[in-house]
PDB file of N, CA and C in Angstrom:
ATOM      1  N   MET A   1      17.322   8.811   0.044  1.00  0.00           N
ATOM      2  CA  MET A   1      17.097   8.859  -1.372  1.00  0.00           C
ATOM      3  C   MET A   1      15.877   9.738  -1.636  1.00  0.00           C
ATOM      4  N   SER A   2      15.933  10.552  -2.668  1.00  0.00           N
ATOM      5  CA  SER A   2      14.857  11.477  -2.990  1.00  0.00           C
ATOM      6  C   SER A   2      14.386  11.243  -4.420  1.00  0.00           C
ATOM      7  N   TYR A   3      13.091  11.344  -4.612  1.00  0.00           N
ATOM      8  CA  TYR A   3      12.505  11.154  -5.929  1.00  0.00           C
ATOM      9  C   TYR A   3      11.690  12.379  -6.295  1.00  0.00           C
ATOM     10  N   THR A   4      11.599  12.673  -7.572  1.00  0.00           N
ATOM     11  CA  THR A   4      10.758  13.751  -8.064  1.00  0.00           C
ATOM     12  C   THR A   4       9.639  13.138  -8.886  1.00  0.00           C
ATOM     13  N   LEU A   5       8.403  13.443  -8.522  1.00  0.00           N
ATOM     14  CA  LEU A   5       7.256  12.936  -9.256  1.00  0.00           C
ATOM     15  C   LEU A   5       6.911  13.908 -10.375  1.00  0.00           C
ATOM     16  N   THR A   6       6.742  13.397 -11.584  1.00  0.00           N
ATOM     17  CA  THR A   6       6.367  14.235 -12.716  1.00  0.00           C
ATOM     18  C   THR A   6       5.220  13.584 -13.470  1.00  0.00           C
ATOM     19  N   GLY A   7       4.492  14.378 -14.221  1.00  0.00           N
ATOM     20  CA  GLY A   7       3.412  13.862 -15.052  1.00  0.00           C
ATOM     21  C   GLY A   7       2.104  13.639 -14.318  1.00  0.00           C
ATOM     22  N   PHE A   8       1.927  14.247 -13.153  1.00  0.00           N
ATOM     23  CA  PHE A   8       0.707  14.039 -12.377  1.00  0.00           C
ATOM     24  C   PHE A   8      -0.255  15.225 -12.447  1.00  0.00           C
ATOM     25  N   GLU A   9       0.108  16.287 -13.147  1.00  0.00           N
ATOM     26  CA  GLU A   9      -0.764  17.452 -13.255  1.00  0.00           C
ATOM     27  C   GLU A   9      -2.062  17.058 -13.956  1.00  0.00           C
ATOM     28  N   GLY A  10      -3.200  17.424 -13.356  1.00  0.00           N
ATOM     29  CA  GLY A  10      -4.495  17.123 -13.952  1.00  0.00           C
ATOM     30  C   GLY A  10      -4.977  15.704 -13.743  1.00  0.00           C
ATOM     31  N   LYS A  11      -4.238  14.896 -13.027  1.00  0.00           N
ATOM     32  CA  LYS A  11      -4.631  13.513 -12.740  1.00  0.00           C
ATOM     33  C   LYS A  11      -5.351  13.455 -11.400  1.00  0.00           C
ATOM     34  N   VAL A  12      -6.098  12.383 -11.190  1.00  0.00           N
ATOM     35  CA  VAL A  12      -6.790  12.151  -9.925  1.00  0.00           C
ATOM     36  C   VAL A  12      -6.287  10.834  -9.354  1.00  0.00           C
ATOM     37  N   ALA A  13      -5.937  10.828  -8.071  1.00  0.00           N
ATOM     38  CA  ALA A  13      -5.477   9.613  -7.398  1.00  0.00           C
ATOM     39  C   ALA A  13      -6.380   9.315  -6.212  1.00  0.00           C
ATOM     40  N   VAL A  14      -6.728   8.048  -6.049  1.00  0.00           N
ATOM     41  CA  VAL A  14      -7.449   7.595  -4.864  1.00  0.00           C
ATOM     42  C   VAL A  14      -6.431   6.873  -3.996  1.00  0.00           C
ATOM     43  N   VAL A  15      -6.193   7.393  -2.806  1.00  0.00           N
ATOM     44  CA  VAL A  15      -5.195   6.822  -1.905  1.00  0.00           C
ATOM     45  C   VAL A  15      -5.919   6.139  -0.754  1.00  0.00           C
ATOM     46  N   THR A  16      -5.705   4.836  -0.620  1.00  0.00           N
ATOM     47  CA  THR A  16      -6.288   4.093   0.491  1.00  0.00           C
ATOM     48  C   THR A  16      -5.275   4.009   1.621  1.00  0.00           C
ATOM     49  N   GLY A  17      -5.747   3.744   2.804  1.00  0.00           N
ATOM     50  CA  GLY A  17      -4.844   3.621   3.940  1.00  0.00           C
ATOM     51  C   GLY A  17      -4.405   4.952   4.500  1.00  0.00           C
ATOM     52  N   ALA A  18      -5.223   5.979   4.310  1.00  0.00           N
ATOM     53  CA  ALA A  18      -4.860   7.309   4.792  1.00  0.00           C
ATOM     54  C   ALA A  18      -5.655   7.691   6.035  1.00  0.00           C
ATOM     55  N   GLY A  19      -6.179   6.718   6.730  1.00  0.00           N
ATOM     56  CA  GLY A  19      -7.046   6.991   7.866  1.00  0.00           C
ATOM     57  C   GLY A  19      -6.336   7.357   9.155  1.00  0.00           C
ATOM     58  N   ARG A  20      -5.071   7.107   9.245  1.00  0.00           N
ATOM     59  CA  ARG A  20      -4.322   7.401  10.474  1.00  0.00           C
ATOM     60  C   ARG A  20      -3.129   8.286  10.159  1.00  0.00           C
ATOM     61  N   MET A  21      -2.730   9.076  11.127  1.00  0.00           N
ATOM     62  CA  MET A  21      -1.618  10.011  10.938  1.00  0.00           C
ATOM     63  C   MET A  21      -0.305   9.302  10.616  1.00  0.00           C
ATOM     64  N   ARG A  22      -0.117   8.094  11.104  1.00  0.00           N
ATOM     65  CA  ARG A  22       1.151   7.391  10.919  1.00  0.00           C
ATOM     66  C   ARG A  22       1.096   6.356   9.805  1.00  0.00           C
ATOM     67  N   SER A  23       0.065   6.401   8.977  1.00  0.00           N
ATOM     68  CA  SER A  23      -0.074   5.418   7.906  1.00  0.00           C
ATOM     69  C   SER A  23       0.774   5.804   6.691  1.00  0.00           C
ATOM     70  N   ILE A  24       1.006   4.848   5.819  1.00  0.00           N
ATOM     71  CA  ILE A  24       1.783   5.093   4.605  1.00  0.00           C
ATOM     72  C   ILE A  24       1.003   5.937   3.608  1.00  0.00           C
ATOM     73  N   GLY A  25      -0.326   5.891   3.699  1.00  0.00           N
ATOM     74  CA  GLY A  25      -1.150   6.642   2.759  1.00  0.00           C
ATOM     75  C   GLY A  25      -0.983   8.144   2.855  1.00  0.00           C
ATOM     76  N   ARG A  26      -0.753   8.641   4.052  1.00  0.00           N
ATOM     77  CA  ARG A  26      -0.637  10.094   4.254  1.00  0.00           C
ATOM     78  C   ARG A  26       0.549  10.693   3.495  1.00  0.00           C
ATOM     79  N   PRO A  27       1.769  10.202   3.647  1.00  0.00           N
ATOM     80  CA  PRO A  27       2.874  10.807   2.893  1.00  0.00           C
ATOM     81  C   PRO A  27       2.756  10.593   1.388  1.00  0.00           C
ATOM     82  N   ILE A  28       2.157   9.490   0.977  1.00  0.00           N
ATOM     83  CA  ILE A  28       1.944   9.268  -0.453  1.00  0.00           C
ATOM     84  C   ILE A  28       0.979  10.314  -0.998  1.00  0.00           C
ATOM     85  N   ALA A  29      -0.114  10.549  -0.271  1.00  0.00           N
ATOM     86  CA  ALA A  29      -1.094  11.548  -0.695  1.00  0.00           C
ATOM     87  C   ALA A  29      -0.473  12.940  -0.758  1.00  0.00           C
ATOM     88  N   LEU A  30       0.342  13.291   0.216  1.00  0.00           N
ATOM     89  CA  LEU A  30       0.999  14.598   0.219  1.00  0.00           C
ATOM     90  C   LEU A  30       1.941  14.750  -0.972  1.00  0.00           C
ATOM     91  N   ALA A  31       2.697  13.712  -1.277  1.00  0.00           N
ATOM     92  CA  ALA A  31       3.624  13.770  -2.410  1.00  0.00           C
ATOM     93  C   ALA A  31       2.871  13.919  -3.728  1.00  0.00           C
ATOM     94  N   LEU A  32       1.772  13.184  -3.877  1.00  0.00           N
ATOM     95  CA  LEU A  32       0.976  13.292  -5.100  1.00  0.00           C
ATOM     96  C   LEU A  32       0.361  14.682  -5.231  1.00  0.00           C
ATOM     97  N   ALA A  33      -0.133  15.226  -4.134  1.00  0.00           N
ATOM     98  CA  ALA A  33      -0.719  16.566  -4.164  1.00  0.00           C
ATOM     99  C   ALA A  33       0.336  17.615  -4.526  1.00  0.00           C
ATOM    100  N   GLN A  34       1.529  17.477  -3.989  1.00  0.00           N
ATOM    101  CA  GLN A  34       2.601  18.414  -4.310  1.00  0.00           C
ATOM    102  C   GLN A  34       3.024  18.305  -5.767  1.00  0.00           C
ATOM    103  N   ALA A  35       2.809  17.135  -6.370  1.00  0.00           N
ATOM    104  CA  ALA A  35       3.149  16.927  -7.777  1.00  0.00           C
ATOM    105  C   ALA A  35       2.046  17.424  -8.706  1.00  0.00           C
ATOM    106  N   GLY A  36       0.948  17.969  -8.144  1.00  0.00           N
ATOM    107  CA  GLY A  36      -0.112  18.533  -8.964  1.00  0.00           C
ATOM    108  C   GLY A  36      -1.314  17.644  -9.159  1.00  0.00           C
ATOM    109  N   CYS A  37      -1.358  16.539  -8.483  1.00  0.00           N
ATOM    110  CA  CYS A  37      -2.450  15.580  -8.600  1.00  0.00           C
ATOM    111  C   CYS A  37      -3.590  15.959  -7.654  1.00  0.00           C
ATOM    112  N   ASP A  38      -4.838  15.760  -8.103  1.00  0.00           N
ATOM    113  CA  ASP A  38      -5.982  15.874  -7.198  1.00  0.00           C
ATOM    114  C   ASP A  38      -6.077  14.554  -6.446  1.00  0.00           C
ATOM    115  N   VAL A  39      -6.220  14.610  -5.129  1.00  0.00           N
ATOM    116  CA  VAL A  39      -6.139  13.407  -4.306  1.00  0.00           C
ATOM    117  C   VAL A  39      -7.436  13.189  -3.540  1.00  0.00           C
ATOM    118  N   VAL A  40      -7.919  11.948  -3.574  1.00  0.00           N
ATOM    119  CA  VAL A  40      -9.064  11.519  -2.779  1.00  0.00           C
ATOM    120  C   VAL A  40      -8.534  10.531  -1.753  1.00  0.00           C
ATOM    121  N   LEU A  41      -8.827  10.765  -0.467  1.00  0.00           N
ATOM    122  CA  LEU A  41      -8.324   9.911   0.606  1.00  0.00           C
ATOM    123  C   LEU A  41      -9.421   9.002   1.132  1.00  0.00           C
ATOM    124  N   THR A  42      -9.048   7.772   1.441  1.00  0.00           N
ATOM    125  CA  THR A  42      -9.961   6.855   2.120  1.00  0.00           C
ATOM    126  C   THR A  42      -9.214   6.189   3.257  1.00  0.00           C
ATOM    127  N   GLY A  43      -9.963   5.776   4.247  1.00  0.00           N
ATOM    128  CA  GLY A  43      -9.360   5.081   5.375  1.00  0.00           C
ATOM    129  C   GLY A  43     -10.452   4.506   6.249  1.00  0.00           C
ATOM    130  N   THR A  44     -10.056   3.682   7.155  1.00  0.00           N
ATOM    131  CA  THR A  44     -11.016   3.097   8.081  1.00  0.00           C
ATOM    132  C   THR A  44     -10.676   3.543   9.489  1.00  0.00           C
ATOM    133  N   GLY A  45     -11.677   3.563  10.304  1.00  0.00           N
ATOM    134  CA  GLY A  45     -11.478   3.898  11.703  1.00  0.00           C
ATOM    135  C   GLY A  45     -11.943   2.740  12.563  1.00  0.00           C
ATOM    136  N   ARG A  46     -11.855   2.908  13.840  1.00  0.00           N
ATOM    137  CA  ARG A  46     -12.271   1.847  14.756  1.00  0.00           C
ATOM    138  C   ARG A  46     -13.769   1.854  14.994  1.00  0.00           C
ATOM    139  N   ARG A  47     -14.473   2.810  14.453  1.00  0.00           N
ATOM    140  CA  ARG A  47     -15.919   2.900  14.670  1.00  0.00           C
ATOM    141  C   ARG A  47     -16.679   1.953  13.809  1.00  0.00           C
TER     142      ARG A  47
END
């Protein structure tokens, strides 16, 4: 199933859970950025 995101131009999104390559936050952040949203990523590490 495919979705098209609209209405995100000029918006800012803070995406949590983007600290690892295999996390859900990474693809969400990429989709928002492709839709024109400015994206801020946060995540935690083992340190």
